[in-house]
Every structure is written in C-alpha cells, then in structure tokens.
C-alpha cells in the first residue's frame, strides 16, 4: 500500500493525512448514481 501511495505522489505525511481524511461526501454508494 505504501508503494502505491508513493507512486501516486503521496510521499509526505501531510499529503497522506489529506488523502485518508478526504471529503466524506465523495465516498458515497456508487450504485446510487443513475444508470449504475
């Protein structure tokens, strides 16, 4: 997992914190989208 995040440009602890604590509105159920 660490290698994947590093390869995506998330190398600093502050970047990782922002990624992990992302906006909860973006983590909804994808099956609620139309045509899914």
PDB file of N, CA and C in Angstrom:
ATOM      1  N   UNK A   1       0.821  -1.181   0.000  1.00  0.00           N
ATOM      2  CA  UNK A   1       0.000   0.000   0.000  1.00  0.00           C
ATOM      3  C   UNK A   1       0.870   1.253   0.000  1.00  0.00           C
ATOM      4  N   UNK A   2       1.926   1.228   0.789  1.00  0.00           N
ATOM      5  CA  UNK A   2       2.816   2.392   0.858  1.00  0.00           C
ATOM      6  C   UNK A   2       3.437   2.688  -0.501  1.00  0.00           C
ATOM      7  N   UNK A   3       3.829   1.661  -1.219  1.00  0.00           N
ATOM      8  CA  UNK A   3       4.435   1.859  -2.542  1.00  0.00           C
ATOM      9  C   UNK A   3       3.423   2.453  -3.510  1.00  0.00           C
ATOM     10  N   UNK A   4       2.201   1.980  -3.471  1.00  0.00           N
ATOM     11  CA  UNK A   4       1.151   2.508  -4.339  1.00  0.00           C
ATOM     12  C   UNK A   4       0.938   3.997  -4.080  1.00  0.00           C
ATOM     13  N   UNK A   5       0.816   4.364  -2.815  1.00  0.00           N
ATOM     14  CA  UNK A   5       0.614   5.773  -2.471  1.00  0.00           C
ATOM     15  C   UNK A   5       1.820   6.617  -2.879  1.00  0.00           C
ATOM     16  N   UNK A   6       3.015   6.090  -2.664  1.00  0.00           N
ATOM     17  CA  UNK A   6       4.230   6.807  -3.046  1.00  0.00           C
ATOM     18  C   UNK A   6       4.282   7.011  -4.558  1.00  0.00           C
ATOM     19  N   UNK A   7       3.940   5.968  -5.317  1.00  0.00           N
ATOM     20  CA  UNK A   7       3.937   6.070  -6.774  1.00  0.00           C
ATOM     21  C   UNK A   7       2.897   7.066  -7.273  1.00  0.00           C
ATOM     22  N   UNK A   8       1.875   7.316  -6.496  1.00  0.00           N
ATOM     23  CA  UNK A   8       0.840   8.294  -6.853  1.00  0.00           C
ATOM     24  C   UNK A   8       1.213   9.704  -6.399  1.00  0.00           C
ATOM     25  N   UNK A   9       2.402   9.860  -5.832  1.00  0.00           N
ATOM     26  CA  UNK A   9       2.885  11.174  -5.442  1.00  0.00           C
ATOM     27  C   UNK A   9       2.574  11.562  -4.013  1.00  0.00           C
ATOM     28  N   UNK A  10       2.122  10.622  -3.214  1.00  0.00           N
ATOM     29  CA  UNK A  10       1.808  10.898  -1.815  1.00  0.00           C
ATOM     30  C   UNK A  10       2.955  10.395  -0.950  1.00  0.00           C
ATOM     31  N   UNK A  11       3.974  11.228  -0.798  1.00  0.00           N
ATOM     32  CA  UNK A  11       5.167  10.808  -0.062  1.00  0.00           C
ATOM     33  C   UNK A  11       5.282  11.472   1.299  1.00  0.00           C
ATOM     34  N   UNK A  12       4.675  12.613   1.467  1.00  0.00           N
ATOM     35  CA  UNK A  12       4.780  13.356   2.723  1.00  0.00           C
ATOM     36  C   UNK A  12       3.637  12.989   3.664  1.00  0.00           C
ATOM     37  N   UNK A  13       3.900  12.935   4.962  1.00  0.00           N
ATOM     38  CA  UNK A  13       2.841  12.606   5.924  1.00  0.00           C
ATOM     39  C   UNK A  13       1.624  13.525   5.814  1.00  0.00           C
ATOM     40  N   UNK A  14       1.849  14.810   5.543  1.00  0.00           N
ATOM     41  CA  UNK A  14       0.715  15.735   5.429  1.00  0.00           C
ATOM     42  C   UNK A  14      -0.156  15.388   4.223  1.00  0.00           C
ATOM     43  N   UNK A  15       0.454  14.937   3.127  1.00  0.00           N
ATOM     44  CA  UNK A  15      -0.307  14.532   1.946  1.00  0.00           C
ATOM     45  C   UNK A  15      -1.124  13.282   2.242  1.00  0.00           C
ATOM     46  N   UNK A  16      -0.533  12.354   2.976  1.00  0.00           N
ATOM     47  CA  UNK A  16      -1.241  11.122   3.326  1.00  0.00           C
ATOM     48  C   UNK A  16      -2.433  11.415   4.227  1.00  0.00           C
ATOM     49  N   UNK A  17      -2.270  12.337   5.168  1.00  0.00           N
ATOM     50  CA  UNK A  17      -3.377  12.698   6.056  1.00  0.00           C
ATOM     51  C   UNK A  17      -4.538  13.283   5.269  1.00  0.00           C
ATOM     52  N   UNK A  18      -4.240  14.158   4.309  1.00  0.00           N
ATOM     53  CA  UNK A  18      -5.300  14.742   3.485  1.00  0.00           C
ATOM     54  C   UNK A  18      -5.998  13.674   2.650  1.00  0.00           C
ATOM     55  N   UNK A  19      -5.234  12.729   2.130  1.00  0.00           N
ATOM     56  CA  UNK A  19      -5.812  11.663   1.311  1.00  0.00           C
ATOM     57  C   UNK A  19      -6.724  10.768   2.145  1.00  0.00           C
ATOM     58  N   UNK A  20      -6.277  10.392   3.322  1.00  0.00           N
ATOM     59  CA  UNK A  20      -7.046   9.485   4.175  1.00  0.00           C
ATOM     60  C   UNK A  20      -8.278  10.173   4.741  1.00  0.00           C
ATOM     61  N   UNK A  21      -8.162  11.441   5.080  1.00  0.00           N
ATOM     62  CA  UNK A  21      -9.272  12.186   5.675  1.00  0.00           C
ATOM     63  C   UNK A  21     -10.018  12.983   4.607  1.00  0.00           C
ATOM     64  N   UNK A  22     -10.162  12.415   3.414  1.00  0.00           N
ATOM     65  CA  UNK A  22     -10.818  13.130   2.323  1.00  0.00           C
ATOM     66  C   UNK A  22     -12.283  13.405   2.640  1.00  0.00           C
ATOM     67  N   UNK A  23     -12.883  14.197   1.823  1.00  0.00           N
ATOM     68  CA  UNK A  23     -14.273  14.617   1.992  1.00  0.00           C
ATOM     69  C   UNK A  23     -15.193  13.396   2.020  1.00  0.00           C
ATOM     70  N   UNK A  24     -15.933  13.242   3.077  1.00  0.00           N
ATOM     71  CA  UNK A  24     -16.819  12.085   3.244  1.00  0.00           C
ATOM     72  C   UNK A  24     -17.943  12.081   2.213  1.00  0.00           C
ATOM     73  N   UNK A  25     -18.268  13.239   1.638  1.00  0.00           N
ATOM     74  CA  UNK A  25     -19.320  13.293   0.619  1.00  0.00           C
ATOM     75  C   UNK A  25     -18.907  12.546  -0.644  1.00  0.00           C
ATOM     76  N   UNK A  26     -17.606  12.371  -0.842  1.00  0.00           N
ATOM     77  CA  UNK A  26     -17.112  11.704  -2.040  1.00  0.00           C
ATOM     78  C   UNK A  26     -17.081  10.188  -1.894  1.00  0.00           C
ATOM     79  N   UNK A  27     -17.401   9.684  -0.726  1.00  0.00           N
ATOM     80  CA  UNK A  27     -17.310   8.244  -0.503  1.00  0.00           C
ATOM     81  C   UNK A  27     -18.693   7.592  -0.438  1.00  0.00           C
ATOM     82  N   UNK A  28     -19.630   8.119  -1.182  1.00  0.00           N
ATOM     83  CA  UNK A  28     -20.983   7.581  -1.182  1.00  0.00           C
ATOM     84  C   UNK A  28     -21.085   6.270  -1.942  1.00  0.00           C
ATOM     85  N   UNK A  29     -22.246   5.710  -1.938  1.00  0.00           N
ATOM     86  CA  UNK A  29     -22.519   4.452  -2.621  1.00  0.00           C
ATOM     87  C   UNK A  29     -22.588   4.697  -4.128  1.00  0.00           C
ATOM     88  N   UNK A  30     -21.682   4.131  -4.928  1.00  0.00           N
ATOM     89  CA  UNK A  30     -21.700   4.371  -6.368  1.00  0.00           C
ATOM     90  C   UNK A  30     -22.950   3.821  -7.045  1.00  0.00           C
ATOM     91  N   UNK A  31     -23.623   2.870  -6.414  1.00  0.00           N
ATOM     92  CA  UNK A  31     -24.822   2.295  -7.009  1.00  0.00           C
ATOM     93  C   UNK A  31     -26.018   3.235  -6.927  1.00  0.00           C
ATOM     94  N   UNK A  32     -25.880   4.349  -6.225  1.00  0.00           N
ATOM     95  CA  UNK A  32     -26.940   5.351  -6.187  1.00  0.00           C
ATOM     96  C   UNK A  32     -26.873   6.296  -7.385  1.00  0.00           C
ATOM     97  N   UNK A  33     -25.795   6.208  -8.168  1.00  0.00           N
ATOM     98  CA  UNK A  33     -25.672   7.028  -9.364  1.00  0.00           C
ATOM     99  C   UNK A  33     -26.613   6.511 -10.447  1.00  0.00           C
ATOM    100  N   UNK A  34     -27.124   7.395 -11.283  1.00  0.00           N
ATOM    101  CA  UNK A  34     -28.015   6.950 -12.361  1.00  0.00           C
ATOM    102  C   UNK A  34     -27.299   5.977 -13.303  1.00  0.00           C
ATOM    103  N   UNK A  35     -28.017   5.002 -13.792  1.00  0.00           N
ATOM    104  CA  UNK A  35     -27.531   4.025 -14.781  1.00  0.00           C
ATOM    105  C   UNK A  35     -26.420   3.119 -14.269  1.00  0.00           C
ATOM    106  N   UNK A  36     -26.287   2.972 -12.976  1.00  0.00           N
ATOM    107  CA  UNK A  36     -25.279   2.055 -12.420  1.00  0.00           C
ATOM    108  C   UNK A  36     -25.989   0.810 -11.930  1.00  0.00           C
TER     109      UNK A  36
END
